[in-house]
Amino acid sequence: MSTVVLLLITGLGLGALYFLVASGLSLIYGLMGVLNFAHGSFLTLGAFMGWEVARRLGQDSWWGLAASLVVGAAVGAVVAAATELLLIRRLYERHIEQVLVTVGLSLATVALFEGIWGTDPIYVDGPAWLGQTTELLGAKVPNDRFMLIIAAVLVLLAIVLFLRHTRYGLIIRAGVENRAMVTALGIDVRRAFTVVFAIGGAAAGLGGVLASHYFGYVSPHLGGSLLIFAFIVTVIGGLGSLSGAAIASVIVAVLQQFANFYLGGTGDLVVVLLLAVVLLVRPTGLLGAKA
């Protein structure tokens, strides 16, 4: 019983991490129709900048952790907004070019990160509490999983509240439905779309800092490895569905944990098979809109 509880909670923690990365992808695609393959670069840069701040303020202090989370989210938001302004804004109706540009940017940034921080992983420390465990129903659960779950829930609530109860959220939703009409009313939809990119980048940057604590290191390839599972989650949940991404994140991560433990480390294979089944049975994903 304790093993099942441990796998469930750790699966929820991993799913929370997947959601932090996938939420930005889902939000950007759902509202703007852009598949951003450079999203992992926002995560990696956020993780590196968070580490730079934490090591100066004290990696083992809560103040250092809090500052790294804020800086990681801020850096992710700024870089994502700059990417939209300088590259994506000219390519909204040119999807092939979007893919080529964002893939090229992701490859270039990995080389840039390797040039600045090196190719070897940099090990990350945190407050002592994160390295400890809490007993829950007989299972000793690592405390950092609880932090991940709380962060993912807060991000989900913040995005939903922003879209439903703020002026920019209303503009964004209206612009998606009828961009020409909103523009005719004198509203600059482009600025609202930049805000969407910034929100997605902030979630990725935050996820990057938390991922560095989850894995215990940060490296130039951290974002790329997580981006693969984020895309799988986004497709299974339904492209553009934030709630679908949340549900799929939990399903994928929990299934991955159980398969790794009970089926000899075949978690990744099982997840890919799940993706294939979803694409065959329900191509739009669990909560995706029908074409």
Protein backbone atom coordinates (compact mmCIF):
# COMPACT_ATOMS: atom_id res chain seq x y z
CA MET A 1 0.00 0.00 0.00
CA SER A 2 2.78 2.43 0.88
CA THR A 3 4.43 1.76 -2.49
CA VAL A 4 1.23 2.64 -4.35
CA VAL A 5 0.83 5.85 -2.33
CA LEU A 6 4.44 6.79 -3.01
CA LEU A 7 4.07 6.19 -6.74
CA LEU A 8 0.82 8.18 -6.84
CA ILE A 9 2.23 11.21 -5.01
CA THR A 10 5.52 11.22 -6.89
CA GLY A 11 3.51 10.81 -10.09
CA LEU A 12 1.43 13.84 -9.17
CA GLY A 13 4.64 15.78 -8.53
CA LEU A 14 6.07 14.81 -11.91
CA GLY A 15 2.71 15.59 -13.53
CA ALA A 16 2.79 19.03 -11.92
CA LEU A 17 6.17 19.62 -13.52
CA TYR A 18 4.87 18.47 -16.91
CA PHE A 19 1.89 20.80 -16.54
CA LEU A 20 4.06 23.83 -15.78
CA VAL A 21 5.82 23.28 -19.10
CA ALA A 22 2.75 22.19 -21.07
CA SER A 23 0.50 24.99 -19.80
CA GLY A 24 2.43 27.57 -21.79
CA LEU A 25 2.42 25.42 -24.91
CA SER A 26 -1.31 24.77 -24.61
CA LEU A 27 -2.13 28.40 -23.85
CA ILE A 28 -0.10 29.77 -26.76
CA TYR A 29 -1.48 27.25 -29.24
CA GLY A 30 -5.07 27.47 -28.03
CA LEU A 31 -5.23 31.24 -28.15
CA MET A 32 -2.83 32.00 -31.00
CA GLY A 33 -2.39 28.82 -33.05
CA VAL A 34 1.39 28.82 -32.60
CA LEU A 35 3.37 25.63 -31.94
CA ASN A 36 6.42 27.01 -30.15
CA PHE A 37 9.33 24.55 -30.28
CA ALA A 38 11.56 27.09 -28.52
CA HIS A 39 9.49 26.80 -25.35
CA GLY A 40 12.09 24.54 -23.77
CA SER A 41 14.67 27.30 -24.14
CA PHE A 42 12.58 29.58 -21.90
CA LEU A 43 12.58 26.81 -19.29
CA THR A 44 16.34 26.21 -19.49
CA LEU A 45 17.22 29.90 -19.32
CA GLY A 46 14.87 30.37 -16.36
CA ALA A 47 16.56 27.45 -14.59
CA PHE A 48 20.06 28.81 -15.20
CA MET A 49 19.19 32.34 -14.12
CA GLY A 50 17.38 31.02 -11.06
CA TRP A 51 20.48 29.03 -10.15
CA GLU A 52 22.72 32.07 -10.65
CA VAL A 53 20.57 34.08 -8.23
CA ALA A 54 20.24 31.28 -5.67
CA ARG A 55 23.97 30.58 -5.47
CA ARG A 56 24.64 34.23 -4.72
CA LEU A 57 21.93 34.53 -2.07
CA GLY A 58 22.42 31.06 -0.62
CA GLN A 59 21.05 27.91 -2.24
CA ASP A 60 20.19 26.39 1.12
CA SER A 61 18.02 29.34 2.17
CA TRP A 62 14.31 29.86 1.54
CA TRP A 63 15.11 33.42 0.52
CA GLY A 64 17.41 32.13 -2.20
CA LEU A 65 14.77 29.67 -3.41
CA ALA A 66 12.04 32.32 -3.48
CA ALA A 67 14.26 34.76 -5.35
CA SER A 68 15.26 32.09 -7.88
CA LEU A 69 11.59 31.28 -8.57
CA VAL A 70 10.75 34.95 -9.12
CA VAL A 71 13.77 35.55 -11.33
CA GLY A 72 13.19 32.35 -13.33
CA ALA A 73 9.58 33.31 -14.04
CA ALA A 74 10.52 36.91 -14.90
CA VAL A 75 13.32 35.88 -17.27
CA GLY A 76 11.04 33.36 -18.98
CA ALA A 77 8.35 36.00 -19.44
CA VAL A 78 10.73 38.63 -20.85
CA VAL A 79 12.45 36.26 -23.28
CA ALA A 80 9.12 34.81 -24.44
CA ALA A 81 7.67 38.29 -25.03
CA ALA A 82 10.80 39.29 -26.97
CA THR A 83 10.52 36.13 -29.08
CA GLU A 84 6.92 36.96 -29.96
CA LEU A 85 7.75 40.58 -30.78
CA LEU A 86 10.85 39.93 -32.87
CA LEU A 87 10.09 36.60 -34.55
CA ILE A 88 6.59 35.17 -34.17
CA ARG A 89 4.52 38.31 -34.80
CA ARG A 90 5.47 38.31 -38.50
CA LEU A 91 4.64 34.64 -38.90
CA TYR A 92 1.11 34.20 -37.47
CA GLU A 93 -0.35 32.94 -40.75
CA ARG A 94 2.78 31.04 -41.84
CA HIS A 95 2.86 27.85 -39.79
CA ILE A 96 5.75 26.12 -41.56
CA GLU A 97 7.95 29.16 -40.99
CA GLN A 98 6.88 29.21 -37.32
CA VAL A 99 8.13 25.67 -36.87
CA LEU A 100 11.40 26.32 -38.68
CA VAL A 101 12.14 29.50 -36.75
CA THR A 102 11.29 28.11 -33.31
CA VAL A 103 13.18 24.85 -33.92
CA GLY A 104 16.19 26.85 -35.12
CA LEU A 105 15.97 29.08 -32.06
CA SER A 106 15.86 26.08 -29.72
CA LEU A 107 18.98 24.56 -31.31
CA ALA A 108 20.83 27.88 -31.26
CA THR A 109 20.04 28.53 -27.62
CA VAL A 110 21.32 25.10 -26.55
CA ALA A 111 24.65 25.94 -28.19
CA LEU A 112 24.57 29.36 -26.48
CA PHE A 113 23.89 27.84 -23.06
CA GLU A 114 26.72 25.34 -23.56
CA GLY A 115 29.06 28.18 -24.42
CA ILE A 116 28.13 30.13 -21.29
CA TRP A 117 27.63 27.43 -18.63
CA GLY A 118 29.40 24.45 -20.19
CA THR A 119 28.11 21.07 -21.31
CA ASP A 120 28.25 19.29 -17.94
CA PRO A 121 25.27 19.33 -15.54
CA ILE A 122 25.47 21.84 -12.69
CA TYR A 123 24.21 20.34 -9.45
CA VAL A 124 21.65 22.35 -7.51
CA ASP A 125 21.07 22.51 -3.77
CA GLY A 126 18.03 23.85 -1.95
CA PRO A 127 16.65 24.32 1.55
CA ALA A 128 17.15 21.24 3.71
CA TRP A 129 13.39 20.63 3.93
CA LEU A 130 13.19 19.92 0.18
CA GLY A 131 15.65 17.05 0.54
CA GLN A 132 13.68 15.48 3.38
CA THR A 133 10.56 13.32 3.30
CA THR A 134 7.11 13.45 4.85
CA GLU A 135 5.32 10.25 5.84
CA LEU A 136 1.89 9.94 4.25
CA LEU A 137 -0.18 6.75 4.67
CA GLY A 138 3.00 4.83 5.37
CA ALA A 139 4.92 6.23 2.39
CA LYS A 140 7.87 8.56 2.76
CA VAL A 141 7.25 11.18 0.08
CA PRO A 142 10.02 13.64 -0.94
CA ASN A 143 8.97 17.14 0.09
CA ASP A 144 9.89 18.72 -3.24
CA ARG A 145 6.93 16.87 -4.82
CA PHE A 146 4.54 18.80 -2.61
CA MET A 147 6.13 22.08 -3.71
CA LEU A 148 5.67 21.12 -7.35
CA ILE A 149 2.00 20.22 -6.84
CA ILE A 150 1.26 23.49 -5.05
CA ALA A 151 3.05 25.52 -7.73
CA ALA A 152 1.13 23.83 -10.56
CA VAL A 153 -2.24 24.38 -8.86
CA LEU A 154 -1.43 28.06 -8.27
CA VAL A 155 -0.34 28.54 -11.89
CA LEU A 156 -3.51 26.88 -13.20
CA LEU A 157 -5.73 29.05 -11.00
CA ALA A 158 -3.81 32.21 -11.90
CA ILE A 159 -4.13 31.60 -15.66
CA VAL A 160 -7.84 30.77 -15.44
CA LEU A 161 -8.56 33.85 -13.31
CA PHE A 162 -6.53 36.04 -15.67
CA LEU A 163 -8.41 34.88 -18.77
CA ARG A 164 -11.86 35.09 -17.18
CA HIS A 165 -11.69 38.11 -14.91
CA THR A 166 -9.27 40.66 -16.38
CA ARG A 167 -9.56 43.14 -19.21
CA TYR A 168 -6.62 41.63 -21.08
CA GLY A 169 -8.10 38.17 -20.64
CA LEU A 170 -11.33 39.37 -22.24
CA ILE A 171 -9.42 40.99 -25.12
CA ILE A 172 -7.41 37.84 -25.71
CA ARG A 173 -10.47 35.59 -25.82
CA ALA A 174 -12.33 38.04 -28.07
CA GLY A 175 -9.30 38.40 -30.34
CA VAL A 176 -9.11 34.66 -30.82
CA GLU A 177 -12.77 34.51 -31.83
CA ASN A 178 -12.77 37.54 -34.16
CA ARG A 179 -9.51 39.43 -34.42
CA ALA A 180 -10.75 41.79 -37.14
CA MET A 181 -13.73 42.96 -35.08
CA VAL A 182 -11.63 43.60 -31.98
CA THR A 183 -9.10 45.56 -34.03
CA ALA A 184 -11.92 47.61 -35.61
CA LEU A 185 -12.91 48.66 -32.08
CA GLY A 186 -9.51 50.27 -31.68
CA ILE A 187 -8.01 47.58 -29.46
CA ASP A 188 -4.43 46.46 -30.11
CA VAL A 189 -4.78 42.68 -30.17
CA ARG A 190 -1.07 42.25 -30.86
CA ARG A 191 -0.19 43.61 -27.44
CA ALA A 192 -2.58 41.12 -25.82
CA PHE A 193 -0.97 38.25 -27.73
CA THR A 194 2.44 39.35 -26.47
CA VAL A 195 1.03 39.07 -22.95
CA VAL A 196 -0.03 35.49 -23.72
CA PHE A 197 3.52 34.61 -24.74
CA ALA A 198 4.86 36.28 -21.60
CA ILE A 199 2.51 34.24 -19.39
CA GLY A 200 3.55 31.02 -21.11
CA GLY A 201 7.21 31.95 -20.75
CA ALA A 202 6.76 32.77 -17.07
CA ALA A 203 5.23 29.34 -16.42
CA ALA A 204 8.12 27.72 -18.29
CA GLY A 205 10.74 29.73 -16.39
CA LEU A 206 9.11 28.83 -13.08
CA GLY A 207 8.98 25.21 -14.17
CA GLY A 208 12.67 25.35 -15.06
CA VAL A 209 13.70 26.39 -11.55
CA LEU A 210 11.47 23.72 -9.99
CA ALA A 211 12.76 21.12 -12.47
CA SER A 212 16.34 21.87 -11.40
CA HIS A 213 15.35 20.98 -7.82
CA TYR A 214 13.36 17.92 -8.93
CA PHE A 215 16.28 16.45 -10.91
CA GLY A 216 19.00 17.98 -8.74
CA TYR A 217 20.81 19.69 -11.59
CA VAL A 218 20.49 22.15 -14.44
CA SER A 219 21.96 21.63 -17.89
CA PRO A 220 21.60 23.09 -21.40
CA HIS A 221 19.44 20.12 -22.41
CA LEU A 222 17.03 20.27 -19.47
CA GLY A 223 14.32 22.12 -21.39
CA GLY A 224 14.60 19.93 -24.47
CA SER A 225 14.05 16.70 -22.54
CA LEU A 226 11.02 18.08 -20.71
CA LEU A 227 9.61 19.64 -23.87
CA ILE A 228 9.12 16.19 -25.39
CA PHE A 229 6.80 15.11 -22.59
CA ALA A 230 5.13 18.54 -22.56
CA PHE A 231 4.17 18.08 -26.22
CA ILE A 232 2.90 14.57 -25.50
CA VAL A 233 0.79 15.93 -22.64
CA THR A 234 -0.51 18.78 -24.81
CA VAL A 235 -1.54 16.41 -27.61
CA ILE A 236 -3.18 13.87 -25.29
CA GLY A 237 -5.03 16.58 -23.38
CA GLY A 238 -6.13 18.29 -26.58
CA LEU A 239 -4.26 21.08 -28.34
CA GLY A 240 -5.31 24.37 -26.80
CA SER A 241 -7.11 22.90 -23.78
CA LEU A 242 -5.58 24.05 -20.49
CA SER A 243 -7.75 21.73 -18.41
CA GLY A 244 -6.96 18.90 -20.81
CA ALA A 245 -3.25 19.53 -20.31
CA ALA A 246 -3.72 19.37 -16.54
CA ILE A 247 -5.56 16.05 -16.70
CA ALA A 248 -3.16 14.56 -19.24
CA SER A 249 -0.16 15.64 -17.14
CA VAL A 250 -1.41 13.59 -14.20
CA ILE A 251 -2.33 10.57 -16.34
CA VAL A 252 1.01 10.53 -18.18
CA ALA A 253 3.19 11.03 -15.11
CA VAL A 254 1.37 8.53 -12.86
CA LEU A 255 1.33 5.92 -15.64
CA GLN A 256 5.03 6.56 -16.22
CA GLN A 257 5.86 6.07 -12.55
CA PHE A 258 3.89 2.83 -12.23
CA ALA A 259 5.30 1.41 -15.46
CA ASN A 260 8.86 2.24 -14.44
CA PHE A 261 8.38 0.47 -11.10
CA TYR A 262 6.27 -2.54 -12.05
CA LEU A 263 7.20 -3.03 -15.73
CA GLY A 264 10.97 -2.77 -15.61
CA GLY A 265 11.52 0.88 -16.45
CA THR A 266 9.25 0.97 -19.50
CA GLY A 267 7.53 4.21 -18.50
CA ASP A 268 8.57 6.17 -21.58
CA LEU A 269 7.46 3.37 -23.90
CA VAL A 270 4.07 3.10 -22.19
CA VAL A 271 3.56 6.87 -22.52
CA VAL A 272 4.34 6.75 -26.25
CA LEU A 273 1.90 3.85 -26.68
CA LEU A 274 -0.75 5.88 -24.82
CA LEU A 275 -0.12 8.77 -27.21
CA ALA A 276 -0.57 6.46 -30.20
CA VAL A 277 -3.84 5.07 -28.82
CA VAL A 278 -5.23 8.56 -28.16
CA LEU A 279 -4.31 9.72 -31.66
CA LEU A 280 -6.01 6.68 -33.19
CA VAL A 281 -9.15 6.72 -31.04
CA ARG A 282 -9.59 10.44 -30.41
CA PRO A 283 -7.27 12.55 -32.61
CA THR A 284 -8.41 15.82 -31.00
CA GLY A 285 -7.26 14.66 -27.57
CA LEU A 286 -9.21 14.21 -24.35
CA LEU A 287 -10.70 17.72 -24.21
CA GLY A 288 -9.69 19.13 -27.57
CA ALA A 289 -12.26 20.86 -29.77
CA LYS A 290 -13.53 18.82 -32.68
CA ALA A 291 -12.51 20.08 -36.10
